[in-house]
Each structure stands twice: as C-alpha cells, then as structure tokens.
Amino acid sequence: MASMMKIKKILVSQPKPESEKSPYFELAEKNNVKIDFRSFIQIESVPAKEFRQERIDLLAHTAVIFTSKHAIDNYFRIADEMRACIPDSMKYFCNSEATANYLQKYIVYRKRKIFYSQTGKLLDLIDTIKKHKEEKYLVPVSSTHNEEIPLKLEEIGVKYSKATLYRTVSSDLSDLAEVNYDVLVFYSPSGIKSLFQNFPDFVQNGTMIATWGEQTAKAVEEAGLRLDIQAPSAAAPSMTMALENFIKDHNKNGKNGNS
C-alpha cells in the first residue's frame, strides 16, 4: 500500500518545460505541491560515419514515421550530415499532433503531406498508412526502441527500413541520492532502467509511481514495483490530469506531514 501521507513533492523524469504555460506549473500551484524536473535519460546522436554502416539510403524512401521529437531532430540532422536534400514530396506520419507540429522547425508545414494520430498512439494511424501502402517508409528509432510499430508494418505488408539515428542512455542522478519524493513520474521504460542503474538498491516503500503509456507501465511491473497512477485513460487523457485526480483523492484521505 502507498503511504497515506499527503503528497507534497513530485519528481518528473523529464526536462523542465520551457513554456511558462505548462500544465505542470498550474498543477503545482492549484494543489500546493512542489514539482521538480530532472531528465533520467539523455539522447546521443549516432554520427553519420556510424549511420553509413547501416547502408540505408534516406532518399530511397518516400515517407517517414516519427514517434518523437528526438526522431525528427536526428532525421533532419543525419540528412544534413549526409548532404541528402529531403524532397517536398516526402510524406510524414506522426504519433501525435504535437510531434507533427514540431516538423515546422525543419519544413514549411502547409506545403507538405503530414498525417498524425488524434489519440497520441501511432498504431491508430495504421489505417491511414494502409491507404498509402505504395510508399516506402523510413522509421527513425533509438538504440532501445519498441518493436510494436515495425511488427505492425510487417503485418500489413508495407515496405520499410528501420534506421537507428540516436541512442538513449541513462543520466547521472547521483546528486538525487539523498532526495526523497512522494511521486516519481516516468514517461518511458528507459526512465525505469535509469532509476535502477543509478540506484540499484531502490526500494519503493511509500513512494508512488506514475507512468505514461502501456510500455512504461509494463516496465514498472516487470521491475517489481507498484504502479499507482497510470495515464492516459478515459478519465485522464493527460499526465497532469491523472496526477491532479490522484492528488485530490489521496490528500483528502491523507494525513498532514511529510512522506
């Protein structure tokens, strides 16, 4: 059972939001909780010399599937390093509207063919991809990635290449050794891996864990930890909403004091 002490301190395993309008800041103010941000993982780009060993021709593909902003950054970086001029005819398939909008950093958005999932789940774009089966897809991935999308592409019979353009590595979190939080928020299985790489003797006790996505939730359970807050859900389509619902319910029943 999670501690019934009131939730006062939350650690989000991501960089601090750049926008002052982030819902996390509103969550902190409305619920009188302190929220810290610290990325548990770092992204390392795969250099062009190493990418060449994959023998993948970027321009032999007519469509790209993006699952994150990191994938977008590294796709256009490697194209620049390889002196590959991406044609205006390239089609882009994104896991969310936010990812699709990020493309504006590199292309003139309104002049391109861009498709994105309305739910934030790339698998919900499969029907759209089926309508474009004649395309040859490139899927930029991290060295540690979920095979769900490649397997689905094979299942529906489209041609694709998987390109490892970046690596996900654990951050050094040694300065957090003596810091305690009531809730830890994770957005990827790599965050759970980083937790145990930094703190191999971590014991959950009353610390509550919140996760985004099915794969992250699965990683928590496989690590033998207790999952307390899971998003997205019908009742809470965002992580901040899931946290707010949980905090209100928990603190209503909790005691005063620090956990």
Protein backbone atom coordinates (compact mmCIF):
# COMPACT_ATOMS: atom_id res chain seq x y z
CA MET A 1 0.00 0.00 0.00
CA ALA A 2 1.16 3.53 -0.77
CA SER A 3 1.74 5.89 2.13
CA MET A 4 -1.28 7.93 3.16
CA MET A 5 0.87 10.94 4.00
CA LYS A 6 -0.10 13.95 1.90
CA ILE A 7 1.60 14.35 -1.46
CA LYS A 8 3.89 17.38 -1.31
CA LYS A 9 6.84 16.66 -3.61
CA ILE A 10 6.81 15.23 -7.15
CA LEU A 11 9.75 14.44 -9.43
CA VAL A 12 9.05 14.36 -13.16
CA SER A 13 11.73 12.43 -15.06
CA GLN A 14 11.82 14.91 -17.94
CA PRO A 15 13.49 18.29 -18.57
CA LYS A 16 11.77 21.33 -17.11
CA PRO A 17 9.15 22.68 -19.58
CA GLU A 18 10.32 25.74 -21.49
CA SER A 19 6.86 27.29 -21.58
CA GLU A 20 5.56 29.06 -18.50
CA LYS A 21 2.11 27.86 -19.54
CA SER A 22 2.97 24.20 -18.91
CA PRO A 23 0.09 22.45 -17.11
CA TYR A 24 2.66 21.16 -14.60
CA PHE A 25 3.13 24.67 -13.17
CA GLU A 26 -0.63 25.10 -12.87
CA LEU A 27 -0.86 21.69 -11.19
CA ALA A 28 1.77 22.70 -8.63
CA GLU A 29 0.06 26.00 -7.81
CA LYS A 30 -3.50 24.64 -7.63
CA ASN A 31 -2.59 21.69 -5.42
CA ASN A 32 0.15 23.28 -3.32
CA VAL A 33 2.77 20.71 -4.32
CA LYS A 34 6.42 21.15 -5.27
CA ILE A 35 7.30 19.71 -8.69
CA ASP A 36 10.90 19.20 -9.74
CA PHE A 37 12.08 18.15 -13.19
CA ARG A 38 15.10 16.03 -13.97
CA SER A 39 15.72 14.07 -17.15
CA PHE A 40 16.53 10.45 -16.28
CA ILE A 41 17.79 9.81 -19.81
CA GLN A 42 19.99 11.56 -22.35
CA ILE A 43 19.93 11.39 -26.12
CA GLU A 44 23.16 10.79 -28.01
CA SER A 45 23.16 11.20 -31.77
CA VAL A 46 24.53 8.42 -33.95
CA PRO A 47 27.25 10.04 -36.12
CA ALA A 48 26.99 9.91 -39.90
CA LYS A 49 30.05 7.62 -40.13
CA GLU A 50 28.27 5.04 -37.97
CA PHE A 51 24.93 5.51 -39.76
CA ARG A 52 26.57 4.75 -43.12
CA GLN A 53 27.27 1.22 -41.85
CA GLU A 54 23.51 0.63 -41.80
CA ARG A 55 23.55 1.07 -45.60
CA ILE A 56 20.25 2.95 -45.62
CA ASP A 57 19.55 5.46 -48.38
CA LEU A 58 17.34 8.20 -46.94
CA LEU A 59 16.24 9.32 -50.39
CA ALA A 60 15.14 5.81 -51.38
CA HIS A 61 12.18 6.31 -49.03
CA THR A 62 9.03 8.27 -49.80
CA ALA A 63 7.56 8.51 -46.28
CA VAL A 64 8.84 8.80 -42.70
CA ILE A 65 7.19 7.64 -39.49
CA PHE A 66 8.01 9.78 -36.44
CA THR A 67 7.35 8.68 -32.87
CA SER A 68 9.07 11.60 -31.09
CA LYS A 69 10.72 14.99 -31.43
CA HIS A 70 14.09 13.28 -30.96
CA ALA A 71 13.38 11.19 -34.05
CA ILE A 72 12.61 14.35 -36.04
CA ASP A 73 15.74 16.17 -34.85
CA ASN A 74 18.01 13.27 -35.69
CA TYR A 75 16.38 12.51 -39.05
CA PHE A 76 17.00 16.03 -40.32
CA ARG A 77 20.44 16.13 -38.66
CA ILE A 78 21.58 12.95 -40.39
CA ALA A 79 20.09 14.17 -43.69
CA ASP A 80 22.16 17.34 -43.35
CA GLU A 81 25.33 15.41 -42.46
CA MET A 82 24.77 13.04 -45.41
CA ARG A 83 24.01 16.02 -47.69
CA ALA A 84 20.67 14.44 -48.55
CA CYS A 85 18.14 17.03 -49.71
CA ILE A 86 14.73 15.83 -48.49
CA PRO A 87 12.19 16.39 -51.31
CA ASP A 88 8.97 18.35 -50.84
CA SER A 89 7.06 15.21 -51.85
CA MET A 90 8.12 13.34 -48.68
CA LYS A 91 5.14 12.22 -46.58
CA TYR A 92 5.26 12.35 -42.79
CA PHE A 93 3.29 10.15 -40.38
CA CYS A 94 3.43 11.22 -36.71
CA ASN A 95 2.29 9.67 -33.44
CA SER A 96 0.62 12.92 -32.27
CA GLU A 97 -0.35 16.43 -33.31
CA ALA A 98 2.42 17.85 -31.10
CA THR A 99 5.03 15.75 -32.92
CA ALA A 100 3.57 16.79 -36.28
CA ASN A 101 3.67 20.48 -35.32
CA TYR A 102 7.33 20.10 -34.34
CA LEU A 103 8.10 19.43 -38.01
CA GLN A 104 7.70 23.18 -38.59
CA LYS A 105 11.21 23.55 -37.18
CA TYR A 106 12.50 21.96 -40.38
CA ILE A 107 9.89 22.22 -43.14
CA VAL A 108 7.19 24.52 -44.48
CA TYR A 109 4.31 22.69 -42.83
CA ARG A 110 1.42 23.76 -45.07
CA LYS A 111 3.18 22.61 -48.24
CA ARG A 112 3.77 19.01 -47.09
CA LYS A 113 1.68 15.87 -46.71
CA ILE A 114 1.51 15.28 -42.96
CA PHE A 115 -0.64 12.77 -41.11
CA TYR A 116 -0.93 12.35 -37.35
CA SER A 117 -2.79 10.28 -34.79
CA GLN A 118 -5.65 12.04 -33.00
CA THR A 119 -5.13 9.84 -29.93
CA GLY A 120 -1.37 10.10 -29.45
CA LYS A 121 -0.97 6.43 -30.37
CA LEU A 122 0.83 5.73 -33.62
CA LEU A 123 -0.97 2.41 -34.02
CA ASP A 124 -4.17 4.40 -34.58
CA LEU A 125 -2.56 5.67 -37.80
CA ILE A 126 -2.27 2.19 -39.28
CA ASP A 127 -5.49 2.56 -41.29
CA THR A 128 -4.08 5.74 -42.84
CA ILE A 129 -0.78 4.00 -43.60
CA LYS A 130 -2.74 1.18 -45.27
CA LYS A 131 -4.16 3.78 -47.68
CA HIS A 132 -0.57 4.65 -48.62
CA LYS A 133 0.80 1.10 -48.95
CA GLU A 134 2.72 2.01 -52.10
CA GLU A 135 5.09 4.23 -50.11
CA LYS A 136 8.47 3.03 -48.83
CA TYR A 137 8.67 4.02 -45.17
CA LEU A 138 11.63 5.01 -43.03
CA VAL A 139 11.27 4.56 -39.27
CA PRO A 140 13.90 6.52 -37.28
CA VAL A 141 14.43 4.85 -33.89
CA SER A 142 16.57 4.89 -30.77
CA SER A 143 19.00 2.08 -29.99
CA THR A 144 16.41 0.99 -27.42
CA HIS A 145 13.01 1.01 -29.07
CA ASN A 146 9.65 -0.69 -29.07
CA GLU A 147 9.19 -3.23 -31.87
CA GLU A 148 5.42 -2.69 -31.94
CA ILE A 149 5.43 -0.37 -34.97
CA PRO A 150 7.87 -2.39 -37.15
CA LEU A 151 5.91 -5.56 -36.42
CA LYS A 152 2.66 -3.86 -37.38
CA LEU A 153 4.17 -2.58 -40.63
CA GLU A 154 5.27 -6.11 -41.48
CA GLU A 155 1.81 -7.39 -40.65
CA ILE A 156 0.10 -5.02 -43.10
CA GLY A 157 2.73 -5.68 -45.75
CA VAL A 158 4.33 -2.28 -46.32
CA LYS A 159 7.97 -1.77 -47.25
CA TYR A 160 10.02 -0.08 -44.56
CA SER A 161 13.53 0.42 -43.19
CA LYS A 162 14.39 0.91 -39.54
CA ALA A 163 17.17 3.45 -39.00
CA THR A 164 18.94 3.79 -35.65
CA LEU A 165 19.70 7.51 -35.52
CA TYR A 166 20.19 8.08 -31.78
CA ARG A 167 20.91 6.32 -28.51
CA THR A 168 19.04 6.60 -25.23
CA VAL A 169 21.42 6.47 -22.26
CA SER A 170 20.91 6.90 -18.53
CA SER A 171 21.70 10.25 -16.91
CA ASP A 172 23.92 10.54 -13.83
CA LEU A 173 21.46 11.06 -10.96
CA SER A 174 23.93 10.65 -8.08
CA ASP A 175 23.04 14.09 -6.70
CA LEU A 176 19.49 12.85 -6.01
CA ALA A 177 20.68 10.10 -3.65
CA GLU A 178 19.54 11.89 -0.50
CA VAL A 179 16.42 13.49 -2.00
CA ASN A 180 13.03 11.94 -1.33
CA TYR A 181 9.86 12.42 -3.36
CA ASP A 182 6.28 11.34 -2.79
CA VAL A 183 5.67 10.65 -6.50
CA LEU A 184 8.04 9.71 -9.33
CA VAL A 185 6.70 10.30 -12.86
CA PHE A 186 8.04 8.23 -15.76
CA TYR A 187 7.41 8.60 -19.48
CA SER A 188 9.43 5.70 -20.87
CA PRO A 189 10.85 2.29 -19.95
CA SER A 190 14.30 3.89 -20.27
CA GLY A 191 13.46 6.05 -17.25
CA ILE A 192 12.82 2.95 -15.13
CA LYS A 193 16.10 1.45 -16.37
CA SER A 194 17.92 4.66 -15.40
CA LEU A 195 16.37 4.58 -11.91
CA PHE A 196 17.87 1.18 -11.18
CA GLN A 197 21.18 1.91 -12.90
CA ASN A 198 21.60 4.93 -10.64
CA PHE A 199 20.03 3.40 -7.53
CA PRO A 200 20.36 -0.41 -7.72
CA ASP A 201 19.13 -0.73 -4.12
CA PHE A 202 15.99 1.36 -4.70
CA VAL A 203 13.09 0.25 -2.52
CA GLN A 204 9.71 1.79 -3.29
CA ASN A 205 8.07 1.69 0.14
CA GLY A 206 5.62 4.62 0.23
CA THR A 207 6.91 6.32 -2.92
CA MET A 208 4.19 6.42 -5.56
CA ILE A 209 4.90 5.85 -9.23
CA ALA A 210 3.08 7.41 -12.17
CA THR A 211 3.58 6.28 -15.76
CA TRP A 212 2.70 7.40 -19.27
CA GLY A 213 1.87 4.72 -21.80
CA GLU A 214 1.42 0.97 -21.69
CA GLN A 215 5.10 0.14 -22.25
CA THR A 216 6.22 2.28 -19.30
CA ALA A 217 3.57 0.72 -17.07
CA LYS A 218 4.77 -2.72 -18.15
CA ALA A 219 8.38 -1.79 -17.32
CA VAL A 220 7.34 -0.74 -13.80
CA GLU A 221 5.57 -4.03 -13.18
CA GLU A 222 8.45 -6.07 -14.64
CA ALA A 223 10.81 -4.25 -12.26
CA GLY A 224 8.69 -5.48 -9.36
CA LEU A 225 7.43 -2.02 -8.47
CA ARG A 226 3.90 -0.90 -7.59
CA LEU A 227 2.13 1.24 -10.18
CA ASP A 228 -0.09 3.86 -8.52
CA ILE A 229 -1.01 6.27 -11.33
CA GLN A 230 -1.38 5.38 -15.00
CA ALA A 231 -2.08 7.65 -17.97
CA PRO A 232 -3.54 8.20 -20.44
CA SER A 233 -7.01 6.95 -19.62
CA ALA A 234 -10.58 7.92 -20.46
CA ALA A 235 -10.83 9.85 -17.19
CA ALA A 236 -7.37 11.42 -17.54
CA PRO A 237 -6.09 11.89 -21.10
CA SER A 238 -3.03 13.79 -19.83
CA MET A 239 -0.43 13.03 -17.16
CA THR A 240 -1.14 16.26 -15.27
CA MET A 241 -4.84 15.42 -15.15
CA ALA A 242 -4.09 11.92 -13.84
CA LEU A 243 -1.81 13.39 -11.17
CA GLU A 244 -4.35 16.02 -10.16
CA ASN A 245 -7.15 13.46 -9.79
CA PHE A 246 -4.89 11.23 -7.70
CA ILE A 247 -3.55 14.07 -5.53
CA LYS A 248 -7.02 15.38 -4.71
CA ASP A 249 -8.27 11.94 -3.75
CA HIS A 250 -5.10 10.98 -1.86
CA ASN A 251 -4.65 14.24 0.04
CA LYS A 252 -8.32 14.29 1.01
CA ASN A 253 -7.77 10.97 2.77
CA GLY A 254 -4.17 11.62 3.81
CA LYS A 255 -2.63 12.99 6.94
CA ASN A 256 -0.64 16.13 7.47
CA GLY A 257 3.11 15.82 7.42
CA ASN A 258 5.89 14.84 5.05
CA SER A 259 6.14 11.46 3.42
